[in-house]
Amino acid sequence: MAEGRDIPSLVTVYFGVAAVLAAGLIFFVLAPDIFRQIQTILTQQSSTYIIFNASLGVSSIYLLFTLTAIAVLASMYLLVVRPIGERKAREKSEIEFFKYFSVFILLEFFISIISGFIPGYSIPSIYGMPLGVQAFVLGVSSLTDLAILQFVPLMIMISAYFAFTGKLSLANLLHPYNTMKRDVIVPAIIASVITAVLFSQTVSGAFFDLLTFFVLDYIYLRFGILHSFGAGFTVSMLGILTAFASSPVLALVALVFLTMWSFLGIYNLTRLTPGAGISIKESKLETQTESLKKPPEPLVQNSDILWIRSSCPNCGSANFYIRDGMRLECMNCHHIIDKDAVGPANIIIEQRRPTRI
C-alpha cells in the first residue's frame, strides 16, 4: 500500500471529512434561526465575534453572515468534495493535513476536559443563547479570528522573512511552506504568543489560546488559509452539539465521535513527532548499511560446475540427439555428453545490485 494511504490514514481522512461536512450542515441548517434572531444578535457585544466593539446594524450582520457562508462553502469544497471526488486531493500532502487536524481535535478535546477543573475558568456566556445566535457568533468569530489574529501577524512576519531573504513573491506568500519548510514553526510560535498575550484575560485562558492558535497558525502556514479556517470552524460548530444540543442522543453521538477522533489524534501525534520519524529512518538506515557491509554470497560454491549441456564442448554446436539415459549426441561431431557430465565453465554469471524503479 502506498505511503500515507494506510488504513489509519484513510480512517483519519474520513473522520475529518465527516466532521467538516457535519459542521457545515449545522451552520446552514441553523441559518433560518440566525435570521430570526438578528435582534438578539444585535444586543450582543460585537467583541464576541469580531474581537473589538463596534456599532453594527442589520446590514453588517447580513454581510458577516454572507462572508462566513462563502468561507464555509469554500472549505467544504476543499475538505469534503475534493477528498471524496478527486484522486489528486488524496495525495500525501492532503492526508498529512487531516493527520494534523486530528491532533488539533485531540488538543481541543484535552482542553475541554481539563478546563472544567481550573478554578475561575468559566464557559462563555454565548452557549446559553439560542442556537441561531450561537451558530452566528461561533461561525463569524472563526472567520474574524482567522483574518485578524492569524492572517495579519503571519502575513507581516512571512513578508518580512521573504523580503530579507530576497524571495518575496505572491507564490511564496500564498504557499510559504514550499520555501520555508520547517522554519514556518517560528512565525507560528510568535503569532500564537502575541495572540495569547494581547487577547486573553486569564493566565489559563492565555495558555489554552497559545496552544490552539499555535496549531491553527501552523496549519495555515503549511497547508493554507482555508485549511486553518476549516479546522477552527469545525471545532466551534461541533462544540454546539457535544455540550449544548437539545437532543441528548445527538450530543452523545457527537461526543463518541470526537472521542474516537481524539484517539486517532494520539496515533497520528506519535507518527508526526520528529523524534519518532528520526528513529524510524535511523533504523532503516542501519539495516541498509548492515546489508551493504555483508559480502555478497556466491551463487554456487564451486565455479567449475557452471557448465551447461546446451553447447558441445568439442565443436560448440547446439544441436543434439537425445539418446538413452538422457545422454546428448552432437549432430555435428557425434560427441557424447553424459547426463551428469561436467566440464570447464562455458557461461558467465554476473551478480549485480537490483535496480529500483
Foldseek 3Di string as FASTA:
>chain_A
DDPQPDPLLVVLLVLLLVLLVVLLCLLVVLQVVLVVCVVVLQVDACCLQQVDGDRDDPVVLVVLSVVLNVLSVVLNCLSHVCVVPPPVCSDNLNSVLSLLLLLLLLLVVVCVVCLVVDPPRDDDPQLVDDSSSLSSRQSNNLVNCLVPLAPVQLLVVVQVVCVVVVNDDPVCSFAVCVPCPPVLLVSLQVSQLVCLVPRDDDPSSSVSSSVNSSSLNVCCRHPHSSSSSSSSSSVSSLVCLCPPDPDPVSNVVSVVSSVVSNVSNVVSCCVPPPVNVVVVVVVVVVVVVVVVPDDDDDPDDDQQQQADPQADPVPGDRDWDQDPQRWTADPPPRDIHHPPDTGGHPDDDDDDDDDDD
